[in-house]
Amino acid sequence: QMCDALAANTAGDLRTIVANCIAHARR
């Protein structure tokens, strides 16, 4: 699962391998 680090993007019953967006960090 690719998303930014907001908690809203990982809410819910998710069984994923989470990756965060480097573009957000770069920005």
mmCIF file of all heavy atoms, coordinates in Angstrom:
data_MODEL
# 
_entry.id   MODEL 
# 
loop_
_atom_site.group_PDB 
_atom_site.id 
_atom_site.type_symbol 
_atom_site.label_atom_id 
_atom_site.label_alt_id 
_atom_site.label_comp_id 
_atom_site.label_asym_id 
_atom_site.label_entity_id 
_atom_site.label_seq_id 
_atom_site.pdbx_PDB_ins_code 
_atom_site.Cartn_x 
_atom_site.Cartn_y 
_atom_site.Cartn_z 
_atom_site.occupancy 
_atom_site.B_iso_or_equiv 
_atom_site.pdbx_formal_charge 
_atom_site.auth_seq_id 
_atom_site.auth_comp_id 
_atom_site.auth_asym_id 
_atom_site.auth_atom_id 
_atom_site.pdbx_PDB_model_num 
ATOM 1   N N   . GLN A 1 1  ? 0.846   -1.193  0.000  1.00 0.00 ? 1  GLN A N   1 
ATOM 2   C CA  . GLN A 1 1  ? 0.000   0.000   0.000  1.00 0.00 ? 1  GLN A CA  1 
ATOM 3   C C   . GLN A 1 1  ? 0.880   1.241   0.000  1.00 0.00 ? 1  GLN A C   1 
ATOM 4   O O   . GLN A 1 1  ? 1.626   1.487   0.942  1.00 0.00 ? 1  GLN A O   1 
ATOM 5   C CB  . GLN A 1 1  ? -0.920  0.025   1.223  1.00 0.00 ? 1  GLN A CB  1 
ATOM 6   C CG  . GLN A 1 1  ? -1.791  1.273   1.295  1.00 0.00 ? 1  GLN A CG  1 
ATOM 7   C CD  . GLN A 1 1  ? -2.492  1.434   2.625  1.00 0.00 ? 1  GLN A CD  1 
ATOM 8   O OE1 . GLN A 1 1  ? -2.360  0.568   3.506  1.00 0.00 ? 1  GLN A OE1 1 
ATOM 9   N NE2 . GLN A 1 1  ? -3.236  2.512   2.798  1.00 0.00 ? 1  GLN A NE2 1 
ATOM 10  N N   . MET A 1 2  ? 0.786   2.039   -1.055 1.00 0.00 ? 2  MET A N   1 
ATOM 11  C CA  . MET A 1 2  ? 1.527   3.287   -1.134 1.00 0.00 ? 2  MET A CA  1 
ATOM 12  C C   . MET A 1 2  ? 0.604   4.448   -0.790 1.00 0.00 ? 2  MET A C   1 
ATOM 13  O O   . MET A 1 2  ? -0.466  4.605   -1.388 1.00 0.00 ? 2  MET A O   1 
ATOM 14  C CB  . MET A 1 2  ? 2.107   3.476   -2.538 1.00 0.00 ? 2  MET A CB  1 
ATOM 15  C CG  . MET A 1 2  ? 2.641   4.885   -2.830 1.00 0.00 ? 2  MET A CG  1 
ATOM 16  S SD  . MET A 1 2  ? 3.822   5.518   -1.640 1.00 0.00 ? 2  MET A SD  1 
ATOM 17  C CE  . MET A 1 2  ? 5.256   4.515   -1.958 1.00 0.00 ? 2  MET A CE  1 
ATOM 18  N N   . CYS A 1 3  ? 0.990   5.251   0.204  1.00 0.00 ? 3  CYS A N   1 
ATOM 19  C CA  . CYS A 1 3  ? 0.190   6.398   0.617  1.00 0.00 ? 3  CYS A CA  1 
ATOM 20  C C   . CYS A 1 3  ? 1.116   7.382   1.320  1.00 0.00 ? 3  CYS A C   1 
ATOM 21  O O   . CYS A 1 3  ? 2.295   7.105   1.546  1.00 0.00 ? 3  CYS A O   1 
ATOM 22  C CB  . CYS A 1 3  ? -0.947  5.963   1.547  1.00 0.00 ? 3  CYS A CB  1 
ATOM 23  S SG  . CYS A 1 3  ? -0.386  5.140   3.055  1.00 0.00 ? 3  CYS A SG  1 
ATOM 24  N N   . ASP A 1 4  ? 0.574   8.551   1.658  1.00 0.00 ? 4  ASP A N   1 
ATOM 25  C CA  . ASP A 1 4  ? 1.358   9.443   2.499  1.00 0.00 ? 4  ASP A CA  1 
ATOM 26  C C   . ASP A 1 4  ? 1.149   9.050   3.959  1.00 0.00 ? 4  ASP A C   1 
ATOM 27  O O   . ASP A 1 4  ? 0.441   8.100   4.260  1.00 0.00 ? 4  ASP A O   1 
ATOM 28  C CB  . ASP A 1 4  ? 0.993   10.909  2.233  1.00 0.00 ? 4  ASP A CB  1 
ATOM 29  C CG  . ASP A 1 4  ? -0.482  11.202  2.470  1.00 0.00 ? 4  ASP A CG  1 
ATOM 30  O OD1 . ASP A 1 4  ? -1.013  10.763  3.506  1.00 0.00 ? 4  ASP A OD1 1 
ATOM 31  O OD2 . ASP A 1 4  ? -1.100  11.876  1.630  1.00 0.00 ? 4  ASP A OD2 1 
ATOM 32  N N   . ALA A 1 5  ? 1.769   9.793   4.865  1.00 0.00 ? 5  ALA A N   1 
ATOM 33  C CA  . ALA A 1 5  ? 1.808   9.367   6.265  1.00 0.00 ? 5  ALA A CA  1 
ATOM 34  C C   . ALA A 1 5  ? 0.577   9.764   7.069  1.00 0.00 ? 5  ALA A C   1 
ATOM 35  O O   . ALA A 1 5  ? 0.562   9.556   8.284  1.00 0.00 ? 5  ALA A O   1 
ATOM 36  C CB  . ALA A 1 5  ? 3.061   9.936   6.935  1.00 0.00 ? 5  ALA A CB  1 
ATOM 37  N N   . LEU A 1 6  ? -0.464  10.302  6.442  1.00 0.00 ? 6  LEU A N   1 
ATOM 38  C CA  . LEU A 1 6  ? -1.671  10.662  7.185  1.00 0.00 ? 6  LEU A CA  1 
ATOM 39  C C   . LEU A 1 6  ? -2.361  9.411   7.717  1.00 0.00 ? 6  LEU A C   1 
ATOM 40  O O   . LEU A 1 6  ? -2.453  8.392   7.026  1.00 0.00 ? 6  LEU A O   1 
ATOM 41  C CB  . LEU A 1 6  ? -2.638  11.432  6.287  1.00 0.00 ? 6  LEU A CB  1 
ATOM 42  C CG  . LEU A 1 6  ? -2.233  12.855  5.900  1.00 0.00 ? 6  LEU A CG  1 
ATOM 43  C CD1 . LEU A 1 6  ? -3.246  13.434  4.930  1.00 0.00 ? 6  LEU A CD1 1 
ATOM 44  C CD2 . LEU A 1 6  ? -2.094  13.735  7.131  1.00 0.00 ? 6  LEU A CD2 1 
ATOM 45  N N   . ALA A 1 7  ? -2.868  9.507   8.945  1.00 0.00 ? 7  ALA A N   1 
ATOM 46  C CA  . ALA A 1 7  ? -3.543  8.358   9.553  1.00 0.00 ? 7  ALA A CA  1 
ATOM 47  C C   . ALA A 1 7  ? -4.799  7.973   8.786  1.00 0.00 ? 7  ALA A C   1 
ATOM 48  O O   . ALA A 1 7  ? -5.205  6.807   8.790  1.00 0.00 ? 7  ALA A O   1 
ATOM 49  C CB  . ALA A 1 7  ? -3.888  8.674   11.011 1.00 0.00 ? 7  ALA A CB  1 
ATOM 50  N N   . ALA A 1 8  ? -5.422  8.941   8.097  1.00 0.00 ? 8  ALA A N   1 
ATOM 51  C CA  . ALA A 1 8  ? -6.648  8.643   7.350  1.00 0.00 ? 8  ALA A CA  1 
ATOM 52  C C   . ALA A 1 8  ? -6.406  7.642   6.238  1.00 0.00 ? 8  ALA A C   1 
ATOM 53  O O   . ALA A 1 8  ? -7.318  6.919   5.836  1.00 0.00 ? 8  ALA A O   1 
ATOM 54  C CB  . ALA A 1 8  ? -7.224  9.932   6.771  1.00 0.00 ? 8  ALA A CB  1 
ATOM 55  N N   . ASN A 1 9  ? -5.183  7.572   5.724  1.00 0.00 ? 9  ASN A N   1 
ATOM 56  C CA  . ASN A 1 9  ? -4.897  6.670   4.614  1.00 0.00 ? 9  ASN A CA  1 
ATOM 57  C C   . ASN A 1 9  ? -4.683  5.230   5.054  1.00 0.00 ? 9  ASN A C   1 
ATOM 58  O O   . ASN A 1 9  ? -4.659  4.321   4.215  1.00 0.00 ? 9  ASN A O   1 
ATOM 59  C CB  . ASN A 1 9  ? -3.667  7.153   3.849  1.00 0.00 ? 9  ASN A CB  1 
ATOM 60  C CG  . ASN A 1 9  ? -3.939  8.430   3.081  1.00 0.00 ? 9  ASN A CG  1 
ATOM 61  O OD1 . ASN A 1 9  ? -5.036  8.651   2.597  1.00 0.00 ? 9  ASN A OD1 1 
ATOM 62  N ND2 . ASN A 1 9  ? -2.940  9.290   2.993  1.00 0.00 ? 9  ASN A ND2 1 
ATOM 63  N N   . THR A 1 10 ? -4.482  5.014   6.348  1.00 0.00 ? 10 THR A N   1 
ATOM 64  C CA  . THR A 1 10 ? -4.310  3.654   6.855  1.00 0.00 ? 10 THR A CA  1 
ATOM 65  C C   . THR A 1 10 ? -5.413  3.289   7.831  1.00 0.00 ? 10 THR A C   1 
ATOM 66  O O   . THR A 1 10 ? -5.285  2.324   8.582  1.00 0.00 ? 10 THR A O   1 
ATOM 67  C CB  . THR A 1 10 ? -2.939  3.509   7.537  1.00 0.00 ? 10 THR A CB  1 
ATOM 68  O OG1 . THR A 1 10 ? -2.775  4.534   8.527  1.00 0.00 ? 10 THR A OG1 1 
ATOM 69  C CG2 . THR A 1 10 ? -1.817  3.628   6.521  1.00 0.00 ? 10 THR A CG2 1 
ATOM 70  N N   . ALA A 1 11 ? -6.508  4.064   7.849  1.00 0.00 ? 11 ALA A N   1 
ATOM 71  C CA  . ALA A 1 11 ? -7.635  3.745   8.714  1.00 0.00 ? 11 ALA A CA  1 
ATOM 72  C C   . ALA A 1 11 ? -8.375  2.532   8.172  1.00 0.00 ? 11 ALA A C   1 
ATOM 73  O O   . ALA A 1 11 ? -8.286  2.183   7.001  1.00 0.00 ? 11 ALA A O   1 
ATOM 74  C CB  . ALA A 1 11 ? -8.583  4.943   8.809  1.00 0.00 ? 11 ALA A CB  1 
ATOM 75  N N   . GLY A 1 12 ? -9.126  1.867   9.052  1.00 0.00 ? 12 GLY A N   1 
ATOM 76  C CA  . GLY A 1 12 ? -9.875  0.694   8.620  1.00 0.00 ? 12 GLY A CA  1 
ATOM 77  C C   . GLY A 1 12 ? -9.110  -0.586  8.893  1.00 0.00 ? 12 GLY A C   1 
ATOM 78  O O   . GLY A 1 12 ? -7.962  -0.580  9.339  1.00 0.00 ? 12 GLY A O   1 
ATOM 79  N N   . ASP A 1 13 ? -9.765  -1.686  8.618  1.00 0.00 ? 13 ASP A N   1 
ATOM 80  C CA  . ASP A 1 13 ? -9.176  -3.002  8.865  1.00 0.00 ? 13 ASP A CA  1 
ATOM 81  C C   . ASP A 1 13 ? -8.330  -3.396  7.659  1.00 0.00 ? 13 ASP A C   1 
ATOM 82  O O   . ASP A 1 13 ? -8.786  -4.079  6.749  1.00 0.00 ? 13 ASP A O   1 
ATOM 83  C CB  . ASP A 1 13 ? -10.291 -4.023  9.118  1.00 0.00 ? 13 ASP A CB  1 
ATOM 84  C CG  . ASP A 1 13 ? -9.739  -5.376  9.542  1.00 0.00 ? 13 ASP A CG  1 
ATOM 85  O OD1 . ASP A 1 13 ? -8.533  -5.430  9.862  1.00 0.00 ? 13 ASP A OD1 1 
ATOM 86  O OD2 . ASP A 1 13 ? -10.499 -6.357  9.547  1.00 0.00 ? 13 ASP A OD2 1 
ATOM 87  N N   . LEU A 1 14 ? -7.078  -2.946  7.660  1.00 0.00 ? 14 LEU A N   1 
ATOM 88  C CA  . LEU A 1 14 ? -6.196  -3.155  6.525  1.00 0.00 ? 14 LEU A CA  1 
ATOM 89  C C   . LEU A 1 14 ? -5.109  -4.166  6.873  1.00 0.00 ? 14 LEU A C   1 
ATOM 90  O O   . LEU A 1 14 ? -4.521  -4.113  7.959  1.00 0.00 ? 14 LEU A O   1 
ATOM 91  C CB  . LEU A 1 14 ? -5.534  -1.842  6.105  1.00 0.00 ? 14 LEU A CB  1 
ATOM 92  C CG  . LEU A 1 14 ? -6.443  -0.815  5.418  1.00 0.00 ? 14 LEU A CG  1 
ATOM 93  C CD1 . LEU A 1 14 ? -5.721  0.513   5.293  1.00 0.00 ? 14 LEU A CD1 1 
ATOM 94  C CD2 . LEU A 1 14 ? -6.855  -1.300  4.042  1.00 0.00 ? 14 LEU A CD2 1 
ATOM 95  N N   . ARG A 1 15 ? -4.873  -5.075  5.946  1.00 0.00 ? 15 ARG A N   1 
ATOM 96  C CA  . ARG A 1 15 ? -3.759  -6.004  6.062  1.00 0.00 ? 15 ARG A CA  1 
ATOM 97  C C   . ARG A 1 15 ? -2.860  -5.764  4.859  1.00 0.00 ? 15 ARG A C   1 
ATOM 98  O O   . ARG A 1 15 ? -2.946  -6.413  3.832  1.00 0.00 ? 15 ARG A O   1 
ATOM 99  C CB  . ARG A 1 15 ? -4.290  -7.436  6.079  1.00 0.00 ? 15 ARG A CB  1 
ATOM 100 C CG  . ARG A 1 15 ? -3.544  -8.361  7.042  1.00 0.00 ? 15 ARG A CG  1 
ATOM 101 C CD  . ARG A 1 15 ? -4.284  -9.676  7.207  1.00 0.00 ? 15 ARG A CD  1 
ATOM 102 N NE  . ARG A 1 15 ? -4.738  -10.247 5.963  1.00 0.00 ? 15 ARG A NE  1 
ATOM 103 C CZ  . ARG A 1 15 ? -4.015  -11.082 5.223  1.00 0.00 ? 15 ARG A CZ  1 
ATOM 104 N NH1 . ARG A 1 15 ? -2.804  -11.416 5.592  1.00 0.00 ? 15 ARG A NH1 1 
ATOM 105 N NH2 . ARG A 1 15 ? -4.509  -11.567 4.102  1.00 0.00 ? 15 ARG A NH2 1 
ATOM 106 N N   . THR A 1 16 ? -1.987  -4.759  4.996  1.00 0.00 ? 16 THR A N   1 
ATOM 107 C CA  . THR A 1 16 ? -1.154  -4.330  3.876  1.00 0.00 ? 16 THR A CA  1 
ATOM 108 C C   . THR A 1 16 ? 0.279   -4.114  4.351  1.00 0.00 ? 16 THR A C   1 
ATOM 109 O O   . THR A 1 16 ? 0.557   -3.990  5.546  1.00 0.00 ? 16 THR A O   1 
ATOM 110 C CB  . THR A 1 16 ? -1.679  -3.017  3.261  1.00 0.00 ? 16 THR A CB  1 
ATOM 111 O OG1 . THR A 1 16 ? -1.705  -2.006  4.286  1.00 0.00 ? 16 THR A OG1 1 
ATOM 112 C CG2 . THR A 1 16 ? -3.072  -3.190  2.691  1.00 0.00 ? 16 THR A CG2 1 
ATOM 113 N N   . ILE A 1 17 ? 1.190   -4.033  3.381  1.00 0.00 ? 17 ILE A N   1 
ATOM 114 C CA  . ILE A 1 17 ? 2.580   -3.651  3.626  1.00 0.00 ? 17 ILE A CA  1 
ATOM 115 C C   . ILE A 1 17 ? 2.690   -2.183  3.228  1.00 0.00 ? 17 ILE A C   1 
ATOM 116 O O   . ILE A 1 17 ? 2.642   -1.849  2.048  1.00 0.00 ? 17 ILE A O   1 
ATOM 117 C CB  . ILE A 1 17 ? 3.553   -4.517  2.804  1.00 0.00 ? 17 ILE A CB  1 
ATOM 118 C CG1 . ILE A 1 17 ? 3.332   -5.996  3.108  1.00 0.00 ? 17 ILE A CG1 1 
ATOM 119 C CG2 . ILE A 1 17 ? 4.991   -4.128  3.086  1.00 0.00 ? 17 ILE A CG2 1 
ATOM 120 C CD1 . ILE A 1 17 ? 4.090   -6.927  2.187  1.00 0.00 ? 17 ILE A CD1 1 
ATOM 121 N N   . VAL A 1 18 ? 2.813   -1.301  4.215  1.00 0.00 ? 18 VAL A N   1 
ATOM 122 C CA  . VAL A 1 18 ? 2.665   0.124   3.969  1.00 0.00 ? 18 VAL A CA  1 
ATOM 123 C C   . VAL A 1 18 ? 3.996   0.729   3.545  1.00 0.00 ? 18 VAL A C   1 
ATOM 124 O O   . VAL A 1 18 ? 5.034   0.512   4.180  1.00 0.00 ? 18 VAL A O   1 
ATOM 125 C CB  . VAL A 1 18 ? 2.132   0.845   5.220  1.00 0.00 ? 18 VAL A CB  1 
ATOM 126 C CG1 . VAL A 1 18 ? 1.983   2.351   4.948  1.00 0.00 ? 18 VAL A CG1 1 
ATOM 127 C CG2 . VAL A 1 18 ? 0.791   0.251   5.635  1.00 0.00 ? 18 VAL A CG2 1 
ATOM 128 N N   . ALA A 1 19 ? 3.942   1.498   2.455  1.00 0.00 ? 19 ALA A N   1 
ATOM 129 C CA  . ALA A 1 19 ? 5.067   2.314   1.997  1.00 0.00 ? 19 ALA A CA  1 
ATOM 130 C C   . ALA A 1 19 ? 4.617   3.767   1.978  1.00 0.00 ? 19 ALA A C   1 
ATOM 131 O O   . ALA A 1 19 ? 3.473   4.061   1.635  1.00 0.00 ? 19 ALA A O   1 
ATOM 132 C CB  . ALA A 1 19 ? 5.520   1.879   0.604  1.00 0.00 ? 19 ALA A CB  1 
ATOM 133 N N   . ASN A 1 20 ? 5.520   4.660   2.360  1.00 0.00 ? 20 ASN A N   1 
ATOM 134 C CA  . ASN A 1 20 ? 5.191   6.083   2.360  1.00 0.00 ? 20 ASN A CA  1 
ATOM 135 C C   . ASN A 1 20 ? 5.822   6.783   1.170  1.00 0.00 ? 20 ASN A C   1 
ATOM 136 O O   . ASN A 1 20 ? 6.798   6.313   0.582  1.00 0.00 ? 20 ASN A O   1 
ATOM 137 C CB  . ASN A 1 20 ? 5.645   6.741   3.659  1.00 0.00 ? 20 ASN A CB  1 
ATOM 138 C CG  . ASN A 1 20 ? 4.684   6.495   4.806  1.00 0.00 ? 20 ASN A CG  1 
ATOM 139 O OD1 . ASN A 1 20 ? 5.026   6.714   5.958  1.00 0.00 ? 20 ASN A OD1 1 
ATOM 140 N ND2 . ASN A 1 20 ? 3.484   6.018   4.514  1.00 0.00 ? 20 ASN A ND2 1 
ATOM 141 N N   . CYS A 1 21 ? 5.245   7.924   0.839  1.00 0.00 ? 21 CYS A N   1 
ATOM 142 C CA  . CYS A 1 21 ? 5.572   8.647   -0.393 1.00 0.00 ? 21 CYS A CA  1 
ATOM 143 C C   . CYS A 1 21 ? 6.802   9.533   -0.194 1.00 0.00 ? 21 CYS A C   1 
ATOM 144 O O   . CYS A 1 21 ? 6.796   10.444  0.641  1.00 0.00 ? 21 CYS A O   1 
ATOM 145 C CB  . CYS A 1 21 ? 4.356   9.477   -0.805 1.00 0.00 ? 21 CYS A CB  1 
ATOM 146 S SG  . CYS A 1 21 ? 4.623   10.541  -2.225 1.00 0.00 ? 21 CYS A SG  1 
ATOM 147 N N   . ILE A 1 22 ? 7.853   9.276   -0.975 1.00 0.00 ? 22 ILE A N   1 
ATOM 148 C CA  . ILE A 1 22 ? 9.055   10.103  -0.900 1.00 0.00 ? 22 ILE A CA  1 
ATOM 149 C C   . ILE A 1 22 ? 8.770   11.511  -1.447 1.00 0.00 ? 22 ILE A C   1 
ATOM 150 O O   . ILE A 1 22 ? 9.359   12.491  -0.979 1.00 0.00 ? 22 ILE A O   1 
ATOM 151 C CB  . ILE A 1 22 ? 10.200  9.439   -1.689 1.00 0.00 ? 22 ILE A CB  1 
ATOM 152 C CG1 . ILE A 1 22 ? 10.635  8.145   -0.981 1.00 0.00 ? 22 ILE A CG1 1 
ATOM 153 C CG2 . ILE A 1 22 ? 11.393  10.368  -1.825 1.00 0.00 ? 22 ILE A CG2 1 
ATOM 154 C CD1 . ILE A 1 22 ? 11.788  7.431   -1.657 1.00 0.00 ? 22 ILE A CD1 1 
ATOM 155 N N   . ALA A 1 23 ? 7.858   11.623  -2.403 1.00 0.00 ? 23 ALA A N   1 
ATOM 156 C CA  . ALA A 1 23 ? 7.550   12.941  -2.961 1.00 0.00 ? 23 ALA A CA  1 
ATOM 157 C C   . ALA A 1 23 ? 6.992   13.873  -1.896 1.00 0.00 ? 23 ALA A C   1 
ATOM 158 O O   . ALA A 1 23 ? 7.259   15.088  -1.922 1.00 0.00 ? 23 ALA A O   1 
ATOM 159 C CB  . ALA A 1 23 ? 6.563   12.799  -4.117 1.00 0.00 ? 23 ALA A CB  1 
ATOM 160 N N   . HIS A 1 24 ? 6.198   13.341  -0.946 1.00 0.00 ? 24 HIS A N   1 
ATOM 161 C CA  . HIS A 1 24 ? 5.692   14.176  0.144  1.00 0.00 ? 24 HIS A CA  1 
ATOM 162 C C   . HIS A 1 24 ? 6.839   14.678  1.021  1.00 0.00 ? 24 HIS A C   1 
ATOM 163 O O   . HIS A 1 24 ? 6.847   15.843  1.443  1.00 0.00 ? 24 HIS A O   1 
ATOM 164 C CB  . HIS A 1 24 ? 4.691   13.395  0.986  1.00 0.00 ? 24 HIS A CB  1 
ATOM 165 C CG  . HIS A 1 24 ? 3.313   13.378  0.418  1.00 0.00 ? 24 HIS A CG  1 
ATOM 166 N ND1 . HIS A 1 24 ? 2.956   12.570  -0.635 1.00 0.00 ? 24 HIS A ND1 1 
ATOM 167 C CD2 . HIS A 1 24 ? 2.197   14.070  0.751  1.00 0.00 ? 24 HIS A CD2 1 
ATOM 168 C CE1 . HIS A 1 24 ? 1.683   12.762  -0.925 1.00 0.00 ? 24 HIS A CE1 1 
ATOM 169 N NE2 . HIS A 1 24 ? 1.194   13.664  -0.106 1.00 0.00 ? 24 HIS A NE2 1 
ATOM 170 N N   . ALA A 1 25 ? 7.781   13.779  1.324  1.00 0.00 ? 25 ALA A N   1 
ATOM 171 C CA  . ALA A 1 25 ? 8.932   14.188  2.119  1.00 0.00 ? 25 ALA A CA  1 
ATOM 172 C C   . ALA A 1 25 ? 9.780   15.212  1.366  1.00 0.00 ? 25 ALA A C   1 
ATOM 173 O O   . ALA A 1 25 ? 10.247  16.207  1.944  1.00 0.00 ? 25 ALA A O   1 
ATOM 174 C CB  . ALA A 1 25 ? 9.760   12.970  2.487  1.00 0.00 ? 25 ALA A CB  1 
ATOM 175 N N   . ARG A 1 26 ? 9.973   14.987  0.079  1.00 0.00 ? 26 ARG A N   1 
ATOM 176 C CA  . ARG A 1 26 ? 10.772  15.911  -0.726 1.00 0.00 ? 26 ARG A CA  1 
ATOM 177 C C   . ARG A 1 26 ? 10.124  17.284  -0.783 1.00 0.00 ? 26 ARG A C   1 
ATOM 178 O O   . ARG A 1 26 ? 10.817  18.325  -0.756 1.00 0.00 ? 26 ARG A O   1 
ATOM 179 C CB  . ARG A 1 26 ? 10.924  15.339  -2.138 1.00 0.00 ? 26 ARG A CB  1 
ATOM 180 C CG  . ARG A 1 26 ? 11.721  16.197  -3.088 1.00 0.00 ? 26 ARG A CG  1 
ATOM 181 C CD  . ARG A 1 26 ? 11.712  15.636  -4.495 1.00 0.00 ? 26 ARG A CD  1 
ATOM 182 N NE  . ARG A 1 26 ? 12.481  16.462  -5.409 1.00 0.00 ? 26 ARG A NE  1 
ATOM 183 C CZ  . ARG A 1 26 ? 12.017  17.567  -5.994 1.00 0.00 ? 26 ARG A CZ  1 
ATOM 184 N NH1 . ARG A 1 26 ? 10.760  17.975  -5.756 1.00 0.00 ? 26 ARG A NH1 1 
ATOM 185 N NH2 . ARG A 1 26 ? 12.793  18.261  -6.812 1.00 0.00 ? 26 ARG A NH2 1 
ATOM 186 N N   . ARG A 1 27 ? 8.796   17.316  -0.853 1.00 0.00 ? 27 ARG A N   1 
ATOM 187 C CA  . ARG A 1 27 ? 8.079   18.577  -0.983 1.00 0.00 ? 27 ARG A CA  1 
ATOM 188 C C   . ARG A 1 27 ? 8.332   19.504  0.208  1.00 0.00 ? 27 ARG A C   1 
ATOM 189 O O   . ARG A 1 27 ? 8.341   20.729  0.081  1.00 0.00 ? 27 ARG A O   1 
ATOM 190 C CB  . ARG A 1 27 ? 6.579   18.296  -1.115 1.00 0.00 ? 27 ARG A CB  1 
ATOM 191 C CG  . ARG A 1 27 ? 5.773   19.371  -1.803 1.00 0.00 ? 27 ARG A CG  1 
ATOM 192 C CD  . ARG A 1 27 ? 4.385   18.845  -2.105 1.00 0.00 ? 27 ARG A CD  1 
ATOM 193 N NE  . ARG A 1 27 ? 4.431   17.727  -3.029 1.00 0.00 ? 27 ARG A NE  1 
ATOM 194 C CZ  . ARG A 1 27 ? 3.545   16.732  -3.040 1.00 0.00 ? 27 ARG A CZ  1 
ATOM 195 N NH1 . ARG A 1 27 ? 2.547   16.729  -2.172 1.00 0.00 ? 27 ARG A NH1 1 
ATOM 196 N NH2 . ARG A 1 27 ? 3.650   15.758  -3.924 1.00 0.00 ? 27 ARG A NH2 1 
# 
